[in-house]
N, C-alpha and C. Protein backbone atom coordinates (compact mmCIF):
# COMPACT_ATOMS: atom_id res chain seq x y z
N UNK A 1 12.06 5.50 24.95
CA UNK A 1 12.01 4.93 23.60
C UNK A 1 12.77 5.86 22.64
N UNK A 2 13.68 5.31 21.88
CA UNK A 2 14.49 6.13 20.97
C UNK A 2 13.67 6.53 19.74
N UNK A 3 14.20 7.50 19.00
CA UNK A 3 13.57 7.92 17.75
C UNK A 3 13.44 6.74 16.79
N UNK A 4 14.46 5.90 16.72
CA UNK A 4 14.41 4.74 15.83
C UNK A 4 13.25 3.82 16.22
N UNK A 5 13.08 3.54 17.51
CA UNK A 5 11.99 2.68 17.98
C UNK A 5 10.63 3.27 17.57
N UNK A 6 10.46 4.56 17.82
CA UNK A 6 9.18 5.21 17.50
C UNK A 6 8.93 5.21 16.00
N UNK A 7 9.97 5.47 15.24
CA UNK A 7 9.89 5.51 13.78
C UNK A 7 9.45 4.14 13.25
N UNK A 8 10.11 3.10 13.70
CA UNK A 8 9.80 1.74 13.26
C UNK A 8 8.39 1.35 13.67
N UNK A 9 8.01 1.67 14.88
CA UNK A 9 6.67 1.34 15.37
C UNK A 9 5.59 2.00 14.51
N UNK A 10 5.82 3.27 14.17
CA UNK A 10 4.84 3.99 13.34
C UNK A 10 4.80 3.43 11.92
N UNK A 11 5.95 3.12 11.33
CA UNK A 11 5.97 2.51 10.00
C UNK A 11 5.25 1.17 10.00
N UNK A 12 5.46 0.40 11.04
CA UNK A 12 4.80 -0.90 11.16
C UNK A 12 3.28 -0.71 11.17
N UNK A 13 2.82 0.27 11.94
CA UNK A 13 1.39 0.55 12.00
C UNK A 13 0.85 0.97 10.64
N UNK A 14 1.56 1.89 9.98
CA UNK A 14 1.10 2.37 8.69
C UNK A 14 1.07 1.28 7.64
N UNK A 15 2.12 0.47 7.59
CA UNK A 15 2.21 -0.57 6.56
C UNK A 15 1.25 -1.71 6.85
N UNK A 16 1.35 -2.30 8.04
CA UNK A 16 0.61 -3.53 8.33
C UNK A 16 -0.84 -3.32 8.71
N UNK A 17 -1.15 -2.20 9.34
CA UNK A 17 -2.51 -2.02 9.85
C UNK A 17 -3.34 -1.02 9.06
N UNK A 18 -2.70 -0.30 8.15
CA UNK A 18 -3.45 0.63 7.30
C UNK A 18 -3.34 0.27 5.83
N UNK A 19 -2.13 0.29 5.29
CA UNK A 19 -1.97 0.10 3.84
C UNK A 19 -2.32 -1.31 3.39
N UNK A 20 -1.83 -2.32 4.10
CA UNK A 20 -2.07 -3.71 3.69
C UNK A 20 -3.57 -4.03 3.62
N UNK A 21 -4.37 -3.74 4.67
CA UNK A 21 -5.80 -4.05 4.57
C UNK A 21 -6.51 -3.24 3.49
N UNK A 22 -6.18 -1.96 3.37
CA UNK A 22 -6.81 -1.14 2.33
C UNK A 22 -6.56 -1.71 0.95
N UNK A 23 -5.31 -2.12 0.70
CA UNK A 23 -4.97 -2.65 -0.62
C UNK A 23 -5.68 -3.97 -0.87
N UNK A 24 -5.82 -4.81 0.14
CA UNK A 24 -6.52 -6.09 -0.03
C UNK A 24 -7.99 -5.85 -0.36
N UNK A 25 -8.62 -4.91 0.32
CA UNK A 25 -10.03 -4.59 0.06
C UNK A 25 -10.17 -4.00 -1.35
N UNK A 26 -9.28 -3.08 -1.69
CA UNK A 26 -9.29 -2.49 -3.03
C UNK A 26 -9.11 -3.57 -4.10
N UNK A 27 -8.17 -4.47 -3.87
CA UNK A 27 -7.91 -5.54 -4.83
C UNK A 27 -9.15 -6.42 -5.03
N UNK A 28 -9.83 -6.73 -3.92
CA UNK A 28 -11.03 -7.56 -4.06
C UNK A 28 -12.09 -6.84 -4.89
N UNK A 29 -12.39 -5.60 -4.54
CA UNK A 29 -13.49 -4.90 -5.19
C UNK A 29 -13.18 -4.46 -6.62
N UNK A 30 -11.91 -4.33 -6.98
CA UNK A 30 -11.58 -3.91 -8.35
C UNK A 30 -11.28 -5.07 -9.28
N UNK A 31 -10.84 -6.20 -8.74
CA UNK A 31 -10.44 -7.32 -9.60
C UNK A 31 -11.29 -8.56 -9.35
N UNK A 32 -11.38 -8.98 -8.11
CA UNK A 32 -11.91 -10.31 -7.81
C UNK A 32 -13.41 -10.40 -7.59
N UNK A 33 -14.07 -9.28 -7.34
CA UNK A 33 -15.52 -9.33 -7.15
C UNK A 33 -16.21 -9.86 -8.41
N UNK A 34 -15.60 -9.59 -9.57
CA UNK A 34 -16.19 -10.07 -10.84
C UNK A 34 -16.22 -11.59 -10.90
N UNK A 35 -15.32 -12.25 -10.17
CA UNK A 35 -15.26 -13.71 -10.19
C UNK A 35 -16.48 -14.36 -9.53
N UNK A 36 -17.27 -13.55 -8.81
CA UNK A 36 -18.47 -14.09 -8.15
C UNK A 36 -19.58 -14.37 -9.16
N UNK A 37 -19.35 -13.99 -10.43
CA UNK A 37 -20.32 -14.31 -11.47
C UNK A 37 -21.35 -13.22 -11.70
N UNK A 38 -21.20 -12.08 -11.02
CA UNK A 38 -22.13 -10.98 -11.21
C UNK A 38 -21.34 -9.74 -11.57
N UNK A 39 -22.00 -8.77 -12.17
CA UNK A 39 -21.35 -7.50 -12.46
C UNK A 39 -21.44 -6.65 -11.20
N UNK A 40 -20.29 -6.30 -10.60
CA UNK A 40 -20.31 -5.63 -9.30
C UNK A 40 -21.25 -4.43 -9.22
N UNK A 41 -21.28 -3.58 -10.24
CA UNK A 41 -22.12 -2.38 -10.16
C UNK A 41 -23.61 -2.70 -10.28
N UNK A 42 -23.92 -3.91 -10.74
CA UNK A 42 -25.32 -4.32 -10.75
C UNK A 42 -25.72 -4.87 -9.39
N UNK A 43 -24.76 -5.40 -8.67
CA UNK A 43 -25.03 -5.87 -7.31
C UNK A 43 -25.31 -4.67 -6.42
N UNK A 44 -24.48 -3.64 -6.55
CA UNK A 44 -24.67 -2.42 -5.77
C UNK A 44 -23.99 -1.26 -6.50
N UNK A 45 -24.79 -0.38 -7.13
CA UNK A 45 -24.21 0.73 -7.90
C UNK A 45 -23.28 1.63 -7.08
N UNK A 46 -23.49 1.73 -5.78
CA UNK A 46 -22.63 2.57 -4.96
C UNK A 46 -21.19 2.07 -4.87
N UNK A 47 -20.95 0.83 -5.32
CA UNK A 47 -19.59 0.29 -5.29
C UNK A 47 -18.62 1.12 -6.12
N UNK A 48 -19.10 1.75 -7.17
CA UNK A 48 -18.22 2.58 -7.99
C UNK A 48 -17.59 3.67 -7.12
N UNK A 49 -18.40 4.27 -6.26
CA UNK A 49 -17.89 5.35 -5.40
C UNK A 49 -16.95 4.82 -4.34
N UNK A 50 -17.23 3.63 -3.84
CA UNK A 50 -16.33 3.00 -2.86
C UNK A 50 -14.99 2.69 -3.51
N UNK A 51 -15.00 2.14 -4.72
CA UNK A 51 -13.76 1.84 -5.43
C UNK A 51 -12.98 3.11 -5.71
N UNK A 52 -13.68 4.16 -6.12
CA UNK A 52 -13.03 5.42 -6.41
C UNK A 52 -12.36 5.99 -5.16
N UNK A 53 -13.04 5.94 -4.04
CA UNK A 53 -12.48 6.44 -2.78
C UNK A 53 -11.26 5.60 -2.37
N UNK A 54 -11.37 4.28 -2.50
CA UNK A 54 -10.25 3.41 -2.15
C UNK A 54 -9.06 3.65 -3.09
N UNK A 55 -9.36 3.87 -4.36
CA UNK A 55 -8.30 4.12 -5.35
C UNK A 55 -7.47 5.33 -4.95
N UNK A 56 -8.16 6.40 -4.61
CA UNK A 56 -7.47 7.61 -4.18
C UNK A 56 -6.71 7.38 -2.87
N UNK A 57 -7.35 6.74 -1.91
CA UNK A 57 -6.74 6.49 -0.60
C UNK A 57 -5.51 5.60 -0.73
N UNK A 58 -5.62 4.53 -1.49
CA UNK A 58 -4.48 3.62 -1.66
C UNK A 58 -3.32 4.34 -2.35
N UNK A 59 -3.63 5.16 -3.35
CA UNK A 59 -2.59 5.92 -4.05
C UNK A 59 -1.82 6.80 -3.07
N UNK A 60 -2.54 7.59 -2.28
CA UNK A 60 -1.88 8.49 -1.34
C UNK A 60 -1.19 7.72 -0.22
N UNK A 61 -1.84 6.69 0.30
CA UNK A 61 -1.29 5.94 1.43
C UNK A 61 0.04 5.27 1.09
N UNK A 62 0.13 4.70 -0.11
CA UNK A 62 1.38 4.06 -0.52
C UNK A 62 2.42 5.12 -0.85
N UNK A 63 2.01 6.12 -1.64
CA UNK A 63 3.00 7.09 -2.09
C UNK A 63 3.63 7.88 -0.95
N UNK A 64 2.84 8.22 0.06
CA UNK A 64 3.41 8.97 1.20
C UNK A 64 4.61 8.26 1.80
N UNK A 65 4.57 6.94 1.81
CA UNK A 65 5.67 6.17 2.40
C UNK A 65 6.91 6.17 1.49
N UNK A 66 6.72 6.51 0.22
CA UNK A 66 7.84 6.57 -0.74
C UNK A 66 8.19 8.00 -1.16
N UNK A 67 7.48 8.97 -0.64
CA UNK A 67 7.66 10.36 -1.07
C UNK A 67 8.92 10.96 -0.47
N UNK A 68 9.94 11.12 -1.29
CA UNK A 68 11.24 11.63 -0.81
C UNK A 68 11.15 13.09 -0.36
N UNK A 69 10.12 13.80 -0.80
CA UNK A 69 10.00 15.20 -0.40
C UNK A 69 9.49 15.34 1.04
N UNK A 70 8.90 14.29 1.57
CA UNK A 70 8.40 14.34 2.93
C UNK A 70 9.53 14.18 3.95
N UNK A 71 9.22 14.46 5.20
CA UNK A 71 10.22 14.34 6.26
C UNK A 71 10.31 12.93 6.82
N UNK A 72 9.27 12.14 6.59
CA UNK A 72 9.26 10.77 7.10
C UNK A 72 8.82 9.86 5.94
N UNK A 73 9.71 8.97 5.53
CA UNK A 73 9.42 8.02 4.45
C UNK A 73 10.40 6.87 4.58
N UNK A 74 10.26 5.88 3.75
CA UNK A 74 11.07 4.67 3.88
C UNK A 74 12.56 4.95 3.60
N UNK A 75 12.85 5.88 2.71
CA UNK A 75 14.26 6.22 2.41
C UNK A 75 14.90 6.92 3.61
N UNK A 76 14.18 7.85 4.18
CA UNK A 76 14.68 8.57 5.35
C UNK A 76 14.87 7.61 6.52
N UNK A 77 13.93 6.68 6.67
CA UNK A 77 14.04 5.70 7.75
C UNK A 77 15.33 4.89 7.64
N UNK A 78 15.65 4.45 6.42
CA UNK A 78 16.88 3.66 6.24
C UNK A 78 18.13 4.50 6.50
N UNK A 79 18.10 5.77 6.11
CA UNK A 79 19.23 6.65 6.43
C UNK A 79 19.38 6.79 7.95
N UNK A 80 18.25 6.98 8.61
CA UNK A 80 18.26 7.11 10.08
C UNK A 80 18.78 5.82 10.72
N UNK A 81 18.30 4.69 10.24
CA UNK A 81 18.74 3.39 10.79
C UNK A 81 20.24 3.21 10.61
N UNK A 82 20.74 3.56 9.43
CA UNK A 82 22.17 3.40 9.15
C UNK A 82 23.01 4.21 10.15
N UNK A 83 22.57 5.43 10.45
CA UNK A 83 23.30 6.27 11.39
C UNK A 83 23.28 5.71 12.81
N UNK A 84 22.20 5.00 13.14
CA UNK A 84 22.00 4.54 14.53
C UNK A 84 22.41 3.09 14.77
N UNK A 85 22.89 2.39 13.76
CA UNK A 85 23.12 0.95 13.87
C UNK A 85 23.88 0.54 15.14
N UNK A 86 24.92 1.27 15.46
CA UNK A 86 25.78 0.87 16.58
C UNK A 86 25.21 1.27 17.94
N UNK A 87 24.24 2.16 17.95
CA UNK A 87 23.71 2.64 19.23
C UNK A 87 22.41 1.96 19.64
N UNK A 88 21.89 1.06 18.80
CA UNK A 88 20.60 0.40 19.09
C UNK A 88 20.86 -0.93 19.80
N UNK A 89 20.01 -1.22 20.77
CA UNK A 89 20.09 -2.52 21.47
C UNK A 89 19.29 -3.54 20.67
N UNK A 90 19.97 -4.27 19.82
CA UNK A 90 19.33 -5.24 18.93
C UNK A 90 19.19 -6.59 19.59
N UNK A 91 18.20 -7.35 19.17
CA UNK A 91 18.13 -8.78 19.50
C UNK A 91 19.00 -9.53 18.51
N UNK A 92 18.86 -9.18 17.22
CA UNK A 92 19.68 -9.74 16.14
C UNK A 92 20.18 -8.57 15.31
N UNK A 93 21.37 -8.07 15.59
CA UNK A 93 21.83 -6.81 14.99
C UNK A 93 21.80 -6.77 13.46
N UNK A 94 21.32 -5.65 12.96
CA UNK A 94 21.41 -5.38 11.53
C UNK A 94 22.80 -4.84 11.23
N UNK A 95 23.23 -5.03 10.01
CA UNK A 95 24.56 -4.57 9.58
C UNK A 95 24.40 -3.55 8.46
N UNK A 96 25.47 -2.82 8.13
CA UNK A 96 25.39 -1.92 6.97
C UNK A 96 25.01 -2.66 5.69
N UNK A 97 25.42 -3.91 5.59
CA UNK A 97 25.07 -4.72 4.40
C UNK A 97 23.56 -4.98 4.34
N UNK A 98 22.93 -5.13 5.51
CA UNK A 98 21.47 -5.29 5.53
C UNK A 98 20.78 -4.04 5.01
N UNK A 99 21.28 -2.88 5.43
CA UNK A 99 20.70 -1.62 4.95
C UNK A 99 20.95 -1.48 3.45
N UNK A 100 22.11 -1.89 2.98
CA UNK A 100 22.40 -1.89 1.53
C UNK A 100 21.37 -2.74 0.79
N UNK A 101 21.08 -3.90 1.35
CA UNK A 101 20.11 -4.82 0.73
C UNK A 101 18.72 -4.18 0.69
N UNK A 102 18.35 -3.48 1.75
CA UNK A 102 17.05 -2.81 1.77
C UNK A 102 17.00 -1.68 0.74
N UNK A 103 18.11 -0.94 0.64
CA UNK A 103 18.14 0.14 -0.34
C UNK A 103 18.09 -0.41 -1.77
N UNK A 104 18.70 -1.57 -1.98
CA UNK A 104 18.64 -2.22 -3.29
C UNK A 104 17.21 -2.63 -3.62
N UNK A 105 16.49 -3.10 -2.62
CA UNK A 105 15.08 -3.47 -2.81
C UNK A 105 14.28 -2.26 -3.26
N UNK A 106 14.59 -1.10 -2.70
CA UNK A 106 13.90 0.13 -3.11
C UNK A 106 14.30 0.55 -4.52
N UNK A 107 15.55 0.34 -4.86
CA UNK A 107 15.99 0.63 -6.24
C UNK A 107 15.24 -0.24 -7.24
N UNK A 108 14.98 -1.48 -6.86
CA UNK A 108 14.30 -2.42 -7.75
C UNK A 108 12.87 -1.99 -8.08
N UNK A 109 12.24 -1.22 -7.19
CA UNK A 109 10.86 -0.79 -7.43
C UNK A 109 10.79 0.70 -7.80
N UNK A 110 11.94 1.29 -8.12
CA UNK A 110 11.98 2.74 -8.41
C UNK A 110 11.07 3.13 -9.57
N UNK A 111 10.99 2.30 -10.60
CA UNK A 111 10.11 2.60 -11.74
C UNK A 111 8.65 2.64 -11.33
N UNK A 112 8.25 1.75 -10.46
CA UNK A 112 6.87 1.74 -9.96
C UNK A 112 6.59 2.98 -9.13
N UNK A 113 7.56 3.35 -8.31
CA UNK A 113 7.41 4.55 -7.48
C UNK A 113 7.25 5.78 -8.37
N UNK A 114 8.03 5.85 -9.43
CA UNK A 114 7.95 7.00 -10.35
C UNK A 114 6.58 7.09 -11.01
N UNK A 115 6.05 5.95 -11.48
CA UNK A 115 4.72 5.96 -12.09
C UNK A 115 3.65 6.37 -11.08
N UNK A 116 3.77 5.85 -9.86
CA UNK A 116 2.80 6.20 -8.82
C UNK A 116 2.88 7.69 -8.50
N UNK A 117 4.10 8.22 -8.46
CA UNK A 117 4.29 9.66 -8.19
C UNK A 117 3.62 10.50 -9.28
N UNK A 118 3.84 10.14 -10.53
CA UNK A 118 3.25 10.90 -11.63
C UNK A 118 1.73 10.82 -11.61
N UNK A 119 1.20 9.64 -11.30
CA UNK A 119 -0.25 9.49 -11.20
C UNK A 119 -0.80 10.35 -10.07
N UNK A 120 -0.12 10.32 -8.94
CA UNK A 120 -0.55 11.12 -7.80
C UNK A 120 -0.53 12.60 -8.15
N UNK A 121 0.57 13.05 -8.77
CA UNK A 121 0.73 14.47 -9.07
C UNK A 121 -0.20 14.96 -10.17
N UNK A 122 -0.39 14.16 -11.20
CA UNK A 122 -1.11 14.63 -12.38
C UNK A 122 -2.59 14.27 -12.40
N UNK A 123 -3.02 13.40 -11.48
CA UNK A 123 -4.42 12.98 -11.53
C UNK A 123 -5.10 13.06 -10.16
N UNK A 124 -4.46 12.55 -9.14
CA UNK A 124 -5.09 12.50 -7.82
C UNK A 124 -4.85 13.78 -7.00
N UNK A 125 -3.62 14.28 -7.05
CA UNK A 125 -3.30 15.48 -6.28
C UNK A 125 -3.77 16.75 -6.96
N UNK A 126 -3.69 16.79 -8.30
CA UNK A 126 -4.08 17.96 -9.08
C UNK A 126 -4.68 17.45 -10.39
N UNK A 127 -5.45 18.31 -11.04
CA UNK A 127 -5.97 17.98 -12.36
C UNK A 127 -5.02 18.54 -13.42
N UNK A 128 -4.11 17.73 -13.88
CA UNK A 128 -3.22 18.13 -14.97
C UNK A 128 -4.07 18.27 -16.24
N UNK A 129 -3.72 19.29 -17.06
CA UNK A 129 -4.53 19.57 -18.25
C UNK A 129 -4.63 18.38 -19.21
N UNK A 130 -3.58 17.55 -19.26
CA UNK A 130 -3.61 16.42 -20.18
C UNK A 130 -4.58 15.33 -19.75
N UNK A 131 -4.92 15.30 -18.47
CA UNK A 131 -5.76 14.20 -17.96
C UNK A 131 -7.12 14.67 -17.45
N UNK A 132 -7.34 15.98 -17.48
CA UNK A 132 -8.61 16.52 -16.99
C UNK A 132 -9.77 16.05 -17.85
N UNK A 133 -9.62 16.20 -19.17
CA UNK A 133 -10.70 15.82 -20.08
C UNK A 133 -10.62 14.36 -20.51
N UNK A 134 -9.45 13.77 -20.38
CA UNK A 134 -9.28 12.36 -20.74
C UNK A 134 -8.66 11.60 -19.58
N UNK A 135 -9.44 11.35 -18.53
CA UNK A 135 -8.87 10.73 -17.32
C UNK A 135 -8.27 9.34 -17.54
N UNK A 136 -8.80 8.59 -18.51
CA UNK A 136 -8.27 7.23 -18.74
C UNK A 136 -6.86 7.26 -19.33
N UNK A 137 -6.46 8.40 -19.88
CA UNK A 137 -5.14 8.54 -20.48
C UNK A 137 -4.02 8.33 -19.45
N UNK A 138 -4.32 8.58 -18.19
CA UNK A 138 -3.30 8.40 -17.14
C UNK A 138 -2.80 6.95 -17.10
N UNK A 139 -3.71 6.00 -17.41
CA UNK A 139 -3.33 4.59 -17.39
C UNK A 139 -2.40 4.21 -18.54
N UNK A 140 -2.46 4.98 -19.62
CA UNK A 140 -1.55 4.76 -20.74
C UNK A 140 -0.21 5.44 -20.49
N UNK A 141 -0.26 6.66 -20.00
CA UNK A 141 0.97 7.43 -19.75
C UNK A 141 1.78 6.87 -18.60
N UNK A 142 1.09 6.52 -17.51
CA UNK A 142 1.77 6.03 -16.30
C UNK A 142 1.03 4.81 -15.77
N UNK A 143 1.20 3.66 -16.43
CA UNK A 143 0.47 2.46 -16.00
C UNK A 143 0.86 2.05 -14.59
N UNK A 144 -0.14 1.61 -13.84
CA UNK A 144 0.10 1.17 -12.47
C UNK A 144 -1.03 0.22 -12.08
N UNK A 145 -0.69 -1.06 -11.94
CA UNK A 145 -1.70 -2.09 -11.68
C UNK A 145 -1.78 -2.42 -10.19
N UNK A 146 -2.76 -3.24 -9.84
CA UNK A 146 -2.85 -3.74 -8.47
C UNK A 146 -1.59 -4.51 -8.10
N UNK A 147 -1.05 -5.27 -9.06
CA UNK A 147 0.18 -6.02 -8.79
C UNK A 147 1.36 -5.08 -8.53
N UNK A 148 1.38 -3.94 -9.21
CA UNK A 148 2.43 -2.94 -8.96
C UNK A 148 2.30 -2.40 -7.53
N UNK A 149 1.07 -2.12 -7.13
CA UNK A 149 0.83 -1.62 -5.77
C UNK A 149 1.27 -2.67 -4.75
N UNK A 150 0.96 -3.93 -5.03
CA UNK A 150 1.36 -5.01 -4.11
C UNK A 150 2.88 -5.12 -4.02
N UNK A 151 3.57 -4.92 -5.15
CA UNK A 151 5.04 -5.01 -5.15
C UNK A 151 5.63 -3.91 -4.26
N UNK A 152 5.07 -2.70 -4.32
CA UNK A 152 5.55 -1.62 -3.47
C UNK A 152 5.28 -1.90 -1.99
N UNK A 153 4.11 -2.44 -1.72
CA UNK A 153 3.75 -2.74 -0.32
C UNK A 153 4.60 -3.89 0.20
N UNK A 154 4.86 -4.89 -0.64
CA UNK A 154 5.72 -6.01 -0.20
C UNK A 154 7.12 -5.54 0.13
N UNK A 155 7.65 -4.61 -0.65
CA UNK A 155 8.98 -4.07 -0.37
C UNK A 155 8.99 -3.40 1.00
N UNK A 156 7.95 -2.64 1.30
CA UNK A 156 7.83 -2.01 2.62
C UNK A 156 7.75 -3.07 3.72
N UNK A 157 6.95 -4.10 3.48
CA UNK A 157 6.78 -5.16 4.48
C UNK A 157 8.10 -5.87 4.78
N UNK A 158 8.86 -6.17 3.74
CA UNK A 158 10.14 -6.85 3.93
C UNK A 158 11.07 -6.00 4.80
N UNK A 159 11.16 -4.73 4.47
CA UNK A 159 12.08 -3.84 5.21
C UNK A 159 11.63 -3.68 6.66
N UNK A 160 10.37 -3.37 6.86
CA UNK A 160 9.86 -3.16 8.22
C UNK A 160 9.97 -4.45 9.03
N UNK A 161 9.66 -5.58 8.42
CA UNK A 161 9.76 -6.87 9.13
C UNK A 161 11.19 -7.19 9.52
N UNK A 162 12.13 -6.97 8.60
CA UNK A 162 13.54 -7.22 8.91
C UNK A 162 13.99 -6.38 10.11
N UNK A 163 13.57 -5.14 10.14
CA UNK A 163 13.95 -4.27 11.26
C UNK A 163 13.28 -4.70 12.55
N UNK A 164 12.02 -5.06 12.47
CA UNK A 164 11.33 -5.53 13.68
C UNK A 164 11.95 -6.79 14.25
N UNK A 165 12.27 -7.74 13.36
CA UNK A 165 12.89 -8.99 13.83
C UNK A 165 14.26 -8.73 14.44
N UNK A 166 15.00 -7.81 13.83
CA UNK A 166 16.33 -7.48 14.36
C UNK A 166 16.23 -6.79 15.71
N UNK A 167 15.22 -5.94 15.86
CA UNK A 167 15.08 -5.17 17.09
C UNK A 167 14.43 -5.97 18.22
N UNK A 168 13.37 -6.71 17.89
CA UNK A 168 12.57 -7.36 18.94
C UNK A 168 12.53 -8.88 18.85
N UNK A 169 12.97 -9.43 17.71
CA UNK A 169 12.88 -10.87 17.54
C UNK A 169 11.56 -11.33 16.96
N UNK A 170 10.67 -10.39 16.63
CA UNK A 170 9.37 -10.76 16.05
C UNK A 170 8.93 -9.69 15.05
N UNK A 171 7.90 -10.01 14.28
CA UNK A 171 7.38 -9.02 13.32
C UNK A 171 5.87 -9.18 13.21
N UNK A 172 5.23 -8.18 12.64
CA UNK A 172 3.77 -8.21 12.49
C UNK A 172 3.35 -9.24 11.46
N UNK A 173 2.13 -9.72 11.63
CA UNK A 173 1.53 -10.66 10.68
C UNK A 173 0.75 -9.85 9.65
N UNK A 174 0.90 -10.20 8.39
CA UNK A 174 0.15 -9.52 7.35
C UNK A 174 -1.31 -9.98 7.37
N UNK A 175 -2.22 -9.01 7.47
CA UNK A 175 -3.64 -9.37 7.58
C UNK A 175 -4.38 -9.17 6.25
N UNK A 176 -3.64 -9.16 5.14
CA UNK A 176 -4.29 -8.96 3.85
C UNK A 176 -5.31 -10.05 3.55
N UNK A 177 -5.00 -11.29 3.93
CA UNK A 177 -5.94 -12.39 3.69
C UNK A 177 -7.24 -12.20 4.45
N UNK A 178 -7.14 -11.74 5.69
CA UNK A 178 -8.35 -11.50 6.50
C UNK A 178 -9.18 -10.37 5.91
N UNK A 179 -8.51 -9.30 5.48
CA UNK A 179 -9.22 -8.16 4.89
C UNK A 179 -9.89 -8.58 3.58
N UNK A 180 -9.19 -9.38 2.80
CA UNK A 180 -9.74 -9.86 1.52
C UNK A 180 -11.00 -10.69 1.76
N UNK A 181 -10.93 -11.62 2.72
CA UNK A 181 -12.09 -12.47 3.04
C UNK A 181 -13.25 -11.63 3.57
N UNK A 182 -12.96 -10.63 4.38
CA UNK A 182 -14.00 -9.75 4.90
C UNK A 182 -14.66 -8.97 3.77
N UNK A 183 -13.87 -8.52 2.79
CA UNK A 183 -14.42 -7.81 1.62
C UNK A 183 -15.31 -8.75 0.81
N UNK A 184 -14.87 -10.00 0.68
CA UNK A 184 -15.67 -10.99 -0.05
C UNK A 184 -17.00 -11.24 0.65
N UNK A 185 -16.97 -11.35 1.98
CA UNK A 185 -18.21 -11.55 2.75
C UNK A 185 -19.15 -10.37 2.58
N UNK A 186 -18.59 -9.16 2.64
CA UNK A 186 -19.40 -7.96 2.46
C UNK A 186 -20.04 -7.95 1.08
N UNK A 187 -19.26 -8.30 0.08
CA UNK A 187 -19.79 -8.32 -1.29
C UNK A 187 -20.94 -9.32 -1.42
N UNK A 188 -20.77 -10.48 -0.83
CA UNK A 188 -21.82 -11.50 -0.91
C UNK A 188 -23.08 -11.06 -0.17
N UNK A 189 -22.88 -10.36 0.96
CA UNK A 189 -24.04 -9.83 1.70
C UNK A 189 -24.78 -8.80 0.84
N UNK A 190 -24.03 -7.97 0.14
CA UNK A 190 -24.65 -6.99 -0.75
C UNK A 190 -25.47 -7.70 -1.82
N UNK A 191 -24.90 -8.76 -2.39
CA UNK A 191 -25.60 -9.52 -3.43
C UNK A 191 -26.88 -10.15 -2.90
N UNK A 192 -26.81 -10.74 -1.69
CA UNK A 192 -28.01 -11.35 -1.10
C UNK A 192 -29.06 -10.29 -0.78
N UNK A 193 -28.60 -9.12 -0.33
CA UNK A 193 -29.52 -8.04 0.01
C UNK A 193 -30.24 -7.56 -1.25
N UNK A 194 -29.51 -7.44 -2.37
CA UNK A 194 -30.14 -7.00 -3.62
C UNK A 194 -31.14 -8.03 -4.09
N UNK A 195 -30.77 -9.32 -3.98
CA UNK A 195 -31.70 -10.39 -4.40
C UNK A 195 -32.97 -10.37 -3.58
N UNK A 196 -32.85 -10.19 -2.26
CA UNK A 196 -34.05 -10.18 -1.41
C UNK A 196 -34.92 -8.96 -1.70
N UNK A 197 -34.31 -7.84 -2.11
CA UNK A 197 -35.08 -6.65 -2.46
C UNK A 197 -35.89 -6.88 -3.72
N UNK A 198 -35.37 -7.74 -4.63
CA UNK A 198 -36.07 -8.02 -5.89
C UNK A 198 -37.29 -8.90 -5.68
N UNK A 199 -37.27 -9.70 -4.61
CA UNK A 199 -38.36 -10.67 -4.38
C UNK A 199 -39.63 -10.01 -3.87
């Protein structure tokens, strides 16, 4: 197995089997649980800690894939792919223009990556003095929503899927819907459990 094969396989695992489900669960518990008609922290006060842990995990999990300072990231992968284009046994060969298109996709989300980087550096990775006493200020200085996180993950999915289809003729299925439904079921079980405790 070539370095390119191993690299793509690992990116596929990280994106589709780690980041996508985590983000779907985080999205449910931070945004959509309120739609059930109850205040989430009244259903189960420990949810605050779960959301906080997921928030940190999702921040690091997404950013690591975009961190140019690391040795393995989506930018490095595209550079590696470009160098290897002619030596790979493709099912449907990628071209330099395809890599250009992928790099353009990354340029399109560069502002989101920058905000995520600043949030990671100044709040999650270290306690910057400006945000230590006023943690909510990070959302004003470097706004980053669930939709922003989804946009970054979708960009990764498009690139990894294109490479998988070119290499093998198939790509992974996104399981965000399954993770979201599982989070919803868990939330409803928590609600039923709290109700039965009250009786």
